N, C-alpha and C. Protein backbone atom coordinates (compact mmCIF):
# COMPACT_ATOMS: atom_id res chain seq x y z
N UNK A 1 36.62 37.87 -46.46
CA UNK A 1 36.53 36.79 -45.51
C UNK A 1 37.01 35.53 -46.19
N UNK A 2 37.93 34.83 -45.55
CA UNK A 2 38.53 33.64 -46.15
C UNK A 2 37.56 32.47 -46.16
N UNK A 3 37.56 31.72 -47.27
CA UNK A 3 36.71 30.55 -47.36
C UNK A 3 37.20 29.50 -46.37
N UNK A 4 36.26 28.86 -45.68
CA UNK A 4 36.61 27.83 -44.73
C UNK A 4 36.95 28.35 -43.35
N UNK A 5 36.74 29.62 -43.11
CA UNK A 5 37.05 30.23 -41.83
C UNK A 5 36.07 29.73 -40.76
N UNK A 6 36.57 29.35 -39.59
CA UNK A 6 35.72 28.87 -38.49
C UNK A 6 35.23 30.01 -37.61
N UNK A 7 35.99 31.09 -37.54
CA UNK A 7 35.71 32.19 -36.63
C UNK A 7 35.68 33.49 -37.43
N UNK A 8 34.72 34.35 -37.11
CA UNK A 8 34.53 35.59 -37.85
C UNK A 8 34.78 36.82 -36.97
N UNK A 9 35.17 37.91 -37.60
CA UNK A 9 35.31 39.19 -36.89
C UNK A 9 33.94 39.87 -36.87
N UNK A 10 33.82 40.93 -36.09
CA UNK A 10 32.55 41.68 -36.08
C UNK A 10 32.30 42.29 -37.45
N UNK A 11 33.33 42.68 -38.15
CA UNK A 11 33.19 43.22 -39.51
C UNK A 11 32.65 42.18 -40.47
N UNK A 12 33.16 40.92 -40.36
CA UNK A 12 32.66 39.83 -41.19
C UNK A 12 31.17 39.60 -40.94
N UNK A 13 30.80 39.55 -39.65
CA UNK A 13 29.40 39.31 -39.28
C UNK A 13 28.52 40.46 -39.76
N UNK A 14 29.01 41.69 -39.64
CA UNK A 14 28.24 42.86 -40.09
C UNK A 14 27.94 42.76 -41.59
N UNK A 15 28.92 42.35 -42.38
CA UNK A 15 28.70 42.21 -43.83
C UNK A 15 27.67 41.14 -44.13
N UNK A 16 27.77 40.00 -43.43
CA UNK A 16 26.85 38.89 -43.66
C UNK A 16 25.42 39.28 -43.28
N UNK A 17 25.28 40.01 -42.17
CA UNK A 17 23.94 40.38 -41.67
C UNK A 17 23.44 41.72 -42.21
N UNK A 18 24.25 42.40 -43.02
CA UNK A 18 23.89 43.71 -43.56
C UNK A 18 23.56 44.73 -42.47
N UNK A 19 24.42 44.79 -41.47
CA UNK A 19 24.28 45.77 -40.38
C UNK A 19 25.64 46.43 -40.14
N UNK A 20 25.64 47.44 -39.30
CA UNK A 20 26.89 48.12 -38.94
C UNK A 20 27.68 47.27 -37.94
N UNK A 21 29.01 47.33 -37.98
CA UNK A 21 29.82 46.58 -37.00
C UNK A 21 29.44 46.91 -35.55
N UNK A 22 29.03 48.15 -35.32
CA UNK A 22 28.62 48.54 -33.96
C UNK A 22 27.40 47.73 -33.50
N UNK A 23 26.49 47.42 -34.41
CA UNK A 23 25.33 46.61 -34.07
C UNK A 23 25.76 45.21 -33.65
N UNK A 24 26.72 44.64 -34.37
CA UNK A 24 27.23 43.31 -34.03
C UNK A 24 27.89 43.35 -32.65
N UNK A 25 28.65 44.41 -32.37
CA UNK A 25 29.28 44.56 -31.05
C UNK A 25 28.23 44.61 -29.95
N UNK A 26 27.12 45.28 -30.23
CA UNK A 26 26.04 45.38 -29.25
C UNK A 26 25.42 44.01 -28.99
N UNK A 27 25.18 43.24 -30.07
CA UNK A 27 24.65 41.88 -29.91
C UNK A 27 25.59 41.04 -29.06
N UNK A 28 26.89 41.19 -29.31
CA UNK A 28 27.91 40.43 -28.58
C UNK A 28 27.91 40.85 -27.10
N UNK A 29 27.96 42.16 -26.86
CA UNK A 29 28.06 42.67 -25.48
C UNK A 29 26.83 42.35 -24.63
N UNK A 30 25.66 42.21 -25.28
CA UNK A 30 24.45 41.89 -24.52
C UNK A 30 24.25 40.37 -24.39
N UNK A 31 25.14 39.59 -24.99
CA UNK A 31 25.07 38.14 -24.86
C UNK A 31 24.16 37.46 -25.87
N UNK A 32 23.58 38.22 -26.79
CA UNK A 32 22.70 37.61 -27.80
C UNK A 32 23.51 36.79 -28.80
N UNK A 33 24.71 37.26 -29.10
CA UNK A 33 25.61 36.60 -30.04
C UNK A 33 26.85 36.20 -29.24
N UNK A 34 27.12 34.91 -29.17
CA UNK A 34 28.21 34.43 -28.33
C UNK A 34 29.52 34.31 -29.11
N UNK A 35 30.60 34.43 -28.40
CA UNK A 35 31.92 34.33 -28.99
C UNK A 35 32.95 34.58 -27.90
N UNK A 36 34.06 35.16 -28.27
CA UNK A 36 35.11 35.45 -27.28
C UNK A 36 35.87 36.69 -27.70
N UNK A 37 36.59 37.26 -26.74
CA UNK A 37 37.45 38.41 -27.00
C UNK A 37 38.88 37.93 -27.14
N UNK A 38 39.63 38.59 -28.01
CA UNK A 38 41.05 38.29 -28.16
C UNK A 38 41.75 38.79 -26.89
N UNK A 39 42.53 37.94 -26.22
CA UNK A 39 43.21 38.36 -25.00
C UNK A 39 44.08 39.60 -25.24
N UNK A 40 43.99 40.57 -24.33
CA UNK A 40 44.78 41.80 -24.44
C UNK A 40 44.24 42.78 -25.46
N UNK A 41 43.01 42.54 -25.91
CA UNK A 41 42.42 43.38 -26.95
C UNK A 41 40.92 43.47 -26.71
N UNK A 42 40.28 44.41 -27.36
CA UNK A 42 38.82 44.50 -27.28
C UNK A 42 38.16 43.80 -28.46
N UNK A 43 38.98 43.27 -29.38
CA UNK A 43 38.44 42.62 -30.56
C UNK A 43 37.63 41.39 -30.18
N UNK A 44 36.54 41.20 -30.90
CA UNK A 44 35.65 40.07 -30.66
C UNK A 44 35.75 39.07 -31.80
N UNK A 45 35.51 37.80 -31.51
CA UNK A 45 35.49 36.76 -32.52
C UNK A 45 34.23 35.92 -32.31
N UNK A 46 33.56 35.60 -33.41
CA UNK A 46 32.31 34.84 -33.35
C UNK A 46 32.46 33.59 -34.20
N UNK A 47 32.28 32.39 -33.60
CA UNK A 47 32.33 31.16 -34.38
C UNK A 47 31.19 31.14 -35.41
N UNK A 48 31.46 30.59 -36.58
CA UNK A 48 30.46 30.52 -37.65
C UNK A 48 29.22 29.79 -37.16
N UNK A 49 29.40 28.69 -36.42
CA UNK A 49 28.25 27.93 -35.92
C UNK A 49 27.36 28.78 -35.03
N UNK A 50 27.96 29.68 -34.24
CA UNK A 50 27.19 30.57 -33.37
C UNK A 50 26.43 31.60 -34.20
N UNK A 51 27.04 32.11 -35.26
CA UNK A 51 26.36 33.06 -36.12
C UNK A 51 25.15 32.41 -36.78
N UNK A 52 25.31 31.18 -37.25
CA UNK A 52 24.20 30.46 -37.87
C UNK A 52 23.06 30.29 -36.87
N UNK A 53 23.40 29.88 -35.63
CA UNK A 53 22.39 29.72 -34.58
C UNK A 53 21.66 31.03 -34.33
N UNK A 54 22.41 32.12 -34.22
CA UNK A 54 21.85 33.45 -33.95
C UNK A 54 20.92 33.89 -35.08
N UNK A 55 21.36 33.66 -36.32
CA UNK A 55 20.54 34.08 -37.46
C UNK A 55 19.24 33.29 -37.53
N UNK A 56 19.30 31.99 -37.26
CA UNK A 56 18.08 31.17 -37.26
C UNK A 56 17.16 31.58 -36.13
N UNK A 57 17.73 31.82 -34.94
CA UNK A 57 16.91 32.20 -33.78
C UNK A 57 16.20 33.53 -34.00
N UNK A 58 16.79 34.39 -34.83
CA UNK A 58 16.20 35.71 -35.08
C UNK A 58 15.55 35.82 -36.46
N UNK A 59 15.28 34.67 -37.06
CA UNK A 59 14.62 34.61 -38.38
C UNK A 59 15.29 35.50 -39.42
N UNK A 60 16.60 35.55 -39.38
CA UNK A 60 17.35 36.33 -40.36
C UNK A 60 17.67 35.42 -41.54
N UNK A 61 17.59 35.95 -42.76
CA UNK A 61 17.95 35.11 -43.90
C UNK A 61 19.43 34.74 -43.80
N UNK A 62 19.71 33.46 -43.90
CA UNK A 62 21.10 33.00 -43.78
C UNK A 62 21.65 32.74 -45.18
N UNK A 63 22.50 33.64 -45.65
CA UNK A 63 23.11 33.39 -46.96
C UNK A 63 24.06 32.20 -46.84
N UNK A 64 24.54 31.72 -47.93
CA UNK A 64 25.52 30.64 -47.89
C UNK A 64 26.79 31.19 -47.24
N UNK A 65 27.11 30.66 -46.09
CA UNK A 65 28.29 31.13 -45.37
C UNK A 65 29.52 30.39 -45.87
N UNK A 66 30.67 31.04 -45.76
CA UNK A 66 31.89 30.49 -46.35
C UNK A 66 32.55 29.38 -45.54
N UNK A 67 31.77 28.41 -45.11
CA UNK A 67 32.38 27.34 -44.33
C UNK A 67 32.97 26.25 -45.20
N UNK A 68 32.61 26.25 -46.49
CA UNK A 68 33.09 25.18 -47.36
C UNK A 68 32.51 23.87 -46.87
N UNK A 69 33.22 22.80 -47.12
CA UNK A 69 32.77 21.50 -46.62
C UNK A 69 33.04 21.42 -45.13
N UNK A 70 32.19 20.68 -44.45
CA UNK A 70 32.44 20.43 -43.03
C UNK A 70 33.64 19.50 -42.95
N UNK A 71 34.62 19.90 -42.13
CA UNK A 71 35.85 19.13 -41.96
C UNK A 71 35.74 18.29 -40.69
N UNK A 72 35.96 16.99 -40.84
CA UNK A 72 35.85 16.04 -39.73
C UNK A 72 37.17 15.29 -39.58
N UNK A 73 37.65 15.21 -38.35
CA UNK A 73 38.85 14.43 -38.05
C UNK A 73 38.42 13.25 -37.19
N UNK A 74 38.66 12.04 -37.70
CA UNK A 74 38.31 10.81 -36.98
C UNK A 74 39.54 10.33 -36.24
N UNK A 75 39.42 10.13 -34.93
CA UNK A 75 40.54 9.66 -34.12
C UNK A 75 40.24 8.24 -33.67
N UNK A 76 41.01 7.29 -34.24
CA UNK A 76 40.80 5.88 -33.93
C UNK A 76 42.08 5.13 -34.30
N UNK A 77 42.62 4.37 -33.36
CA UNK A 77 43.85 3.62 -33.63
C UNK A 77 43.59 2.42 -34.53
N UNK A 78 42.34 2.05 -34.71
CA UNK A 78 41.99 0.98 -35.63
C UNK A 78 41.85 1.60 -37.02
N UNK A 79 42.93 1.53 -37.79
CA UNK A 79 42.98 2.18 -39.10
C UNK A 79 41.89 1.74 -40.06
N UNK A 80 41.55 0.45 -40.03
CA UNK A 80 40.52 -0.07 -40.92
C UNK A 80 39.16 0.54 -40.59
N UNK A 81 38.81 0.58 -39.30
CA UNK A 81 37.52 1.15 -38.89
C UNK A 81 37.48 2.65 -39.20
N UNK A 82 38.59 3.35 -38.95
CA UNK A 82 38.64 4.79 -39.22
C UNK A 82 38.48 5.07 -40.71
N UNK A 83 39.16 4.29 -41.53
CA UNK A 83 39.07 4.48 -42.99
C UNK A 83 37.67 4.20 -43.50
N UNK A 84 37.04 3.17 -42.97
CA UNK A 84 35.67 2.83 -43.39
C UNK A 84 34.70 3.95 -43.02
N UNK A 85 34.83 4.48 -41.79
CA UNK A 85 33.95 5.57 -41.38
C UNK A 85 34.22 6.82 -42.21
N UNK A 86 35.49 7.11 -42.48
CA UNK A 86 35.85 8.28 -43.28
C UNK A 86 35.22 8.20 -44.66
N UNK A 87 35.32 7.04 -45.29
CA UNK A 87 34.76 6.86 -46.63
C UNK A 87 33.23 7.03 -46.60
N UNK A 88 32.60 6.48 -45.59
CA UNK A 88 31.14 6.61 -45.46
C UNK A 88 30.74 8.07 -45.30
N UNK A 89 31.46 8.83 -44.47
CA UNK A 89 31.13 10.24 -44.26
C UNK A 89 31.38 11.06 -45.52
N UNK A 90 32.41 10.71 -46.26
CA UNK A 90 32.69 11.42 -47.53
C UNK A 90 31.57 11.19 -48.53
N UNK A 91 31.15 9.94 -48.68
CA UNK A 91 30.16 9.62 -49.71
C UNK A 91 28.74 9.98 -49.30
N UNK A 92 28.37 9.74 -48.04
CA UNK A 92 26.99 9.99 -47.62
C UNK A 92 26.71 11.44 -47.28
N UNK A 93 27.71 12.16 -46.74
CA UNK A 93 27.46 13.53 -46.29
C UNK A 93 28.34 14.57 -46.99
N UNK A 94 29.25 14.14 -47.84
CA UNK A 94 30.13 15.04 -48.58
C UNK A 94 31.01 15.89 -47.64
N UNK A 95 31.48 15.28 -46.56
CA UNK A 95 32.39 15.97 -45.63
C UNK A 95 33.83 15.80 -46.11
N UNK A 96 34.68 16.74 -45.72
CA UNK A 96 36.12 16.58 -45.89
C UNK A 96 36.59 15.84 -44.64
N UNK A 97 37.20 14.68 -44.81
CA UNK A 97 37.52 13.82 -43.66
C UNK A 97 38.98 13.39 -43.67
N UNK A 98 39.60 13.43 -42.49
CA UNK A 98 40.95 12.89 -42.29
C UNK A 98 40.88 11.98 -41.08
N UNK A 99 41.89 11.13 -40.96
CA UNK A 99 41.95 10.22 -39.81
C UNK A 99 43.27 10.39 -39.08
N UNK A 100 43.24 10.07 -37.78
CA UNK A 100 44.44 10.09 -36.95
C UNK A 100 44.43 8.83 -36.09
N UNK A 101 45.60 8.24 -35.90
CA UNK A 101 45.69 7.00 -35.15
C UNK A 101 46.34 7.10 -33.78
N UNK A 102 46.70 8.33 -33.36
CA UNK A 102 47.33 8.50 -32.05
C UNK A 102 47.03 9.91 -31.53
N UNK A 103 47.32 10.13 -30.26
CA UNK A 103 47.12 11.47 -29.68
C UNK A 103 48.00 12.49 -30.39
N UNK A 104 49.26 12.14 -30.61
CA UNK A 104 50.20 13.07 -31.24
C UNK A 104 49.73 13.42 -32.66
N UNK A 105 49.36 12.40 -33.41
CA UNK A 105 48.91 12.61 -34.78
C UNK A 105 47.65 13.50 -34.79
N UNK A 106 46.79 13.33 -33.80
CA UNK A 106 45.58 14.14 -33.71
C UNK A 106 45.93 15.62 -33.59
N UNK A 107 46.87 15.93 -32.71
CA UNK A 107 47.28 17.32 -32.52
C UNK A 107 47.90 17.91 -33.77
N UNK A 108 48.75 17.16 -34.42
CA UNK A 108 49.41 17.63 -35.64
C UNK A 108 48.41 17.89 -36.75
N UNK A 109 47.51 16.93 -36.98
CA UNK A 109 46.52 17.08 -38.05
C UNK A 109 45.53 18.19 -37.72
N UNK A 110 45.11 18.28 -36.46
CA UNK A 110 44.14 19.31 -36.06
C UNK A 110 44.69 20.71 -36.33
N UNK A 111 45.97 20.93 -36.08
CA UNK A 111 46.58 22.24 -36.32
C UNK A 111 46.52 22.62 -37.80
N UNK A 112 46.80 21.67 -38.69
CA UNK A 112 46.85 21.95 -40.12
C UNK A 112 45.49 21.88 -40.80
N UNK A 113 44.68 20.90 -40.43
CA UNK A 113 43.40 20.63 -41.09
C UNK A 113 42.27 21.51 -40.57
N UNK A 114 42.39 22.00 -39.32
CA UNK A 114 41.38 22.83 -38.67
C UNK A 114 39.98 22.23 -38.81
N UNK A 115 39.76 21.05 -38.24
CA UNK A 115 38.45 20.41 -38.38
C UNK A 115 37.36 21.17 -37.63
N UNK A 116 36.14 21.05 -38.14
CA UNK A 116 34.99 21.59 -37.42
C UNK A 116 34.61 20.63 -36.30
N UNK A 117 34.78 19.32 -36.59
CA UNK A 117 34.37 18.27 -35.65
C UNK A 117 35.47 17.22 -35.51
N UNK A 118 35.65 16.78 -34.28
CA UNK A 118 36.58 15.70 -33.96
C UNK A 118 35.73 14.53 -33.48
N UNK A 119 35.81 13.39 -34.15
CA UNK A 119 35.12 12.17 -33.71
C UNK A 119 36.18 11.30 -33.04
N UNK A 120 36.05 11.09 -31.74
CA UNK A 120 37.06 10.35 -30.99
C UNK A 120 36.50 9.03 -30.50
N UNK A 121 37.12 7.93 -30.90
CA UNK A 121 36.70 6.61 -30.45
C UNK A 121 37.20 6.38 -29.03
N UNK A 122 36.26 6.09 -28.12
CA UNK A 122 36.65 5.80 -26.74
C UNK A 122 37.11 4.36 -26.58
N UNK A 123 36.87 3.55 -27.61
CA UNK A 123 37.21 2.13 -27.55
C UNK A 123 38.58 1.82 -28.14
N UNK A 124 39.19 2.80 -28.78
CA UNK A 124 40.46 2.58 -29.47
C UNK A 124 41.61 2.42 -28.48
N UNK A 125 42.46 1.45 -28.75
CA UNK A 125 43.64 1.22 -27.91
C UNK A 125 44.67 2.32 -28.16
N UNK A 126 45.30 2.78 -27.08
CA UNK A 126 46.37 3.76 -27.21
C UNK A 126 45.89 5.19 -27.43
N UNK A 127 44.60 5.42 -27.42
CA UNK A 127 44.05 6.77 -27.59
C UNK A 127 43.53 7.23 -26.23
N UNK A 128 44.01 8.36 -25.76
CA UNK A 128 43.52 8.94 -24.51
C UNK A 128 42.56 10.07 -24.86
N UNK A 129 41.30 9.72 -24.98
CA UNK A 129 40.27 10.68 -25.42
C UNK A 129 40.17 11.87 -24.48
N UNK A 130 40.28 11.64 -23.19
CA UNK A 130 40.20 12.75 -22.23
C UNK A 130 41.35 13.73 -22.40
N UNK A 131 42.54 13.20 -22.66
CA UNK A 131 43.71 14.04 -22.88
C UNK A 131 43.54 14.87 -24.16
N UNK A 132 43.01 14.24 -25.22
CA UNK A 132 42.77 14.95 -26.47
C UNK A 132 41.78 16.08 -26.24
N UNK A 133 40.70 15.78 -25.54
CA UNK A 133 39.67 16.79 -25.26
C UNK A 133 40.26 17.96 -24.48
N UNK A 134 41.02 17.65 -23.45
CA UNK A 134 41.63 18.70 -22.62
C UNK A 134 42.59 19.56 -23.45
N UNK A 135 43.40 18.93 -24.30
CA UNK A 135 44.34 19.68 -25.14
C UNK A 135 43.62 20.61 -26.11
N UNK A 136 42.55 20.12 -26.72
CA UNK A 136 41.78 20.94 -27.65
C UNK A 136 41.15 22.12 -26.92
N UNK A 137 40.59 21.87 -25.76
CA UNK A 137 39.89 22.93 -25.01
C UNK A 137 40.85 24.00 -24.47
N UNK A 138 42.12 23.65 -24.28
CA UNK A 138 43.06 24.64 -23.76
C UNK A 138 43.88 25.33 -24.85
N UNK A 139 43.73 24.91 -26.10
CA UNK A 139 44.46 25.52 -27.21
C UNK A 139 43.58 26.60 -27.84
N UNK A 140 44.00 27.83 -27.74
CA UNK A 140 43.21 28.97 -28.23
C UNK A 140 42.81 28.83 -29.70
N UNK A 141 43.67 28.26 -30.51
CA UNK A 141 43.39 28.13 -31.94
C UNK A 141 42.42 26.99 -32.26
N UNK A 142 42.23 26.08 -31.32
CA UNK A 142 41.40 24.90 -31.59
C UNK A 142 40.10 24.86 -30.78
N UNK A 143 39.86 25.84 -29.94
CA UNK A 143 38.72 25.80 -29.02
C UNK A 143 37.36 25.70 -29.69
N UNK A 144 37.24 26.13 -30.93
CA UNK A 144 35.94 26.07 -31.60
C UNK A 144 35.61 24.69 -32.16
N UNK A 145 36.56 23.77 -32.11
CA UNK A 145 36.32 22.40 -32.61
C UNK A 145 35.31 21.72 -31.69
N UNK A 146 34.32 21.10 -32.30
CA UNK A 146 33.34 20.32 -31.55
C UNK A 146 33.87 18.90 -31.43
N UNK A 147 33.80 18.34 -30.23
CA UNK A 147 34.35 17.01 -29.97
C UNK A 147 33.22 16.05 -29.64
N UNK A 148 33.10 15.01 -30.45
CA UNK A 148 32.06 14.00 -30.25
C UNK A 148 32.73 12.66 -29.96
N UNK A 149 32.34 12.06 -28.85
CA UNK A 149 32.89 10.76 -28.45
C UNK A 149 32.07 9.65 -29.11
N UNK A 150 32.77 8.60 -29.51
CA UNK A 150 32.09 7.44 -30.07
C UNK A 150 32.40 6.25 -29.18
N UNK A 151 31.34 5.66 -28.65
CA UNK A 151 31.48 4.51 -27.76
C UNK A 151 30.26 3.62 -27.96
N UNK A 152 30.29 2.46 -27.38
CA UNK A 152 29.13 1.58 -27.48
C UNK A 152 28.46 1.43 -26.13
N UNK A 153 27.16 1.61 -26.14
CA UNK A 153 26.32 1.38 -24.96
C UNK A 153 26.79 2.12 -23.72
N UNK A 154 26.72 3.45 -23.76
CA UNK A 154 27.09 4.25 -22.59
C UNK A 154 25.93 4.31 -21.60
N UNK A 155 26.27 4.23 -20.33
CA UNK A 155 25.25 4.45 -19.29
C UNK A 155 25.04 5.95 -19.14
N UNK A 156 23.93 6.36 -18.55
CA UNK A 156 23.62 7.78 -18.38
C UNK A 156 24.72 8.51 -17.61
N UNK A 157 25.27 7.86 -16.57
CA UNK A 157 26.32 8.50 -15.78
C UNK A 157 27.58 8.71 -16.61
N UNK A 158 27.90 7.75 -17.50
CA UNK A 158 29.07 7.87 -18.37
C UNK A 158 28.86 8.99 -19.39
N UNK A 159 27.65 9.09 -19.92
CA UNK A 159 27.33 10.15 -20.88
C UNK A 159 27.47 11.52 -20.24
N UNK A 160 26.93 11.67 -19.03
CA UNK A 160 27.01 12.94 -18.32
C UNK A 160 28.46 13.30 -18.01
N UNK A 161 29.27 12.29 -17.65
CA UNK A 161 30.69 12.54 -17.34
C UNK A 161 31.43 13.05 -18.57
N UNK A 162 31.11 12.51 -19.74
CA UNK A 162 31.75 12.98 -20.98
C UNK A 162 31.46 14.46 -21.22
N UNK A 163 30.21 14.84 -21.05
CA UNK A 163 29.83 16.24 -21.28
C UNK A 163 30.52 17.16 -20.27
N UNK A 164 30.67 16.70 -19.03
CA UNK A 164 31.36 17.50 -18.02
C UNK A 164 32.84 17.65 -18.32
N UNK A 165 33.42 16.68 -18.99
CA UNK A 165 34.85 16.73 -19.32
C UNK A 165 35.15 17.61 -20.52
N UNK A 166 34.10 18.11 -21.20
CA UNK A 166 34.32 19.01 -22.32
C UNK A 166 33.90 18.50 -23.68
N UNK A 167 33.41 17.26 -23.73
CA UNK A 167 32.90 16.75 -25.00
C UNK A 167 31.60 17.46 -25.34
N UNK A 168 31.34 17.64 -26.63
CA UNK A 168 30.12 18.32 -27.06
C UNK A 168 28.97 17.35 -27.30
N UNK A 169 29.27 16.08 -27.34
CA UNK A 169 28.24 15.07 -27.57
C UNK A 169 28.87 13.71 -27.67
N UNK A 170 28.02 12.71 -27.91
CA UNK A 170 28.50 11.34 -28.02
C UNK A 170 27.55 10.54 -28.90
N UNK A 171 28.07 9.47 -29.46
CA UNK A 171 27.28 8.53 -30.23
C UNK A 171 27.50 7.18 -29.56
N UNK A 172 26.41 6.51 -29.18
CA UNK A 172 26.57 5.27 -28.44
C UNK A 172 26.61 4.02 -29.33
N UNK A 173 26.57 4.21 -30.66
CA UNK A 173 26.70 3.07 -31.56
C UNK A 173 27.60 3.49 -32.72
N UNK A 174 28.81 2.98 -32.74
CA UNK A 174 29.79 3.38 -33.75
C UNK A 174 29.41 2.94 -35.16
N UNK A 175 28.44 2.04 -35.29
CA UNK A 175 28.00 1.57 -36.61
C UNK A 175 26.80 2.36 -37.15
N UNK A 176 26.24 3.26 -36.35
CA UNK A 176 25.05 4.02 -36.76
C UNK A 176 25.47 5.31 -37.47
N UNK A 177 25.70 5.21 -38.78
CA UNK A 177 26.15 6.35 -39.57
C UNK A 177 25.17 7.51 -39.53
N UNK A 178 23.87 7.20 -39.57
CA UNK A 178 22.84 8.25 -39.53
C UNK A 178 22.97 9.07 -38.25
N UNK A 179 23.18 8.40 -37.13
CA UNK A 179 23.32 9.08 -35.84
C UNK A 179 24.59 9.93 -35.81
N UNK A 180 25.67 9.40 -36.37
CA UNK A 180 26.94 10.14 -36.41
C UNK A 180 26.77 11.41 -37.24
N UNK A 181 26.15 11.30 -38.41
CA UNK A 181 25.93 12.48 -39.25
C UNK A 181 25.02 13.47 -38.55
N UNK A 182 23.99 12.98 -37.88
CA UNK A 182 23.07 13.86 -37.14
C UNK A 182 23.83 14.63 -36.05
N UNK A 183 24.70 13.94 -35.32
CA UNK A 183 25.48 14.59 -34.26
C UNK A 183 26.44 15.64 -34.84
N UNK A 184 27.05 15.34 -35.98
CA UNK A 184 27.95 16.29 -36.63
C UNK A 184 27.17 17.53 -37.04
N UNK A 185 26.00 17.33 -37.63
CA UNK A 185 25.17 18.46 -38.06
C UNK A 185 24.72 19.30 -36.87
N UNK A 186 24.32 18.64 -35.78
CA UNK A 186 23.91 19.37 -34.58
C UNK A 186 25.09 20.16 -34.02
N UNK A 187 26.25 19.55 -33.99
CA UNK A 187 27.43 20.20 -33.42
C UNK A 187 27.86 21.42 -34.23
N UNK A 188 27.68 21.35 -35.54
CA UNK A 188 28.10 22.47 -36.39
C UNK A 188 26.95 23.43 -36.69
N UNK A 189 25.77 23.10 -36.16
CA UNK A 189 24.57 23.96 -36.33
C UNK A 189 24.16 24.14 -37.78
N UNK A 190 24.48 23.17 -38.60
CA UNK A 190 24.05 23.22 -39.99
C UNK A 190 22.98 22.16 -40.18
N UNK A 191 21.81 22.59 -40.56
CA UNK A 191 20.69 21.69 -40.75
C UNK A 191 20.34 21.69 -42.23
N UNK A 192 20.28 20.53 -42.83
CA UNK A 192 20.00 20.41 -44.24
C UNK A 192 18.52 20.27 -44.49
């Protein structure tokens, strides 16, 4: 199993859980373990975050999984703010962090960097957060990325609209580093 892999095969999960691949298939088919099937095939794929959730829910010992550092891509056209947040996340949480200043750059970096989490500033000029979210959700290779919106003072209706559009969460104060780290940890299902 490759280090830093976001998605696992049933064979990978079987090795981690010390069970037969058929047992993992049964968990998947009964809906206990969530994931997706490869189109045109019966092969199943399970996101690492889902495996961690499943193992915790079933009180299974969770060995150190090969996720490496959590990879975060910050999308903000304000380069200074993006760089400051990136440095804070690197030093406070030891994440691997990159920044993108446009929609195009986001797509290019996401393909190569394969982030676990995308932090998208809704306040940034020239960034179409909804378009980014839609593109990520429709790209088979990027669907496991968790997308967190960053905005200031969202109303309840705005928060609900974000979740309906495909965002996995939001932070209503871009200066609250503790909240941002908490949201990243929740999104990736890794609790320290």
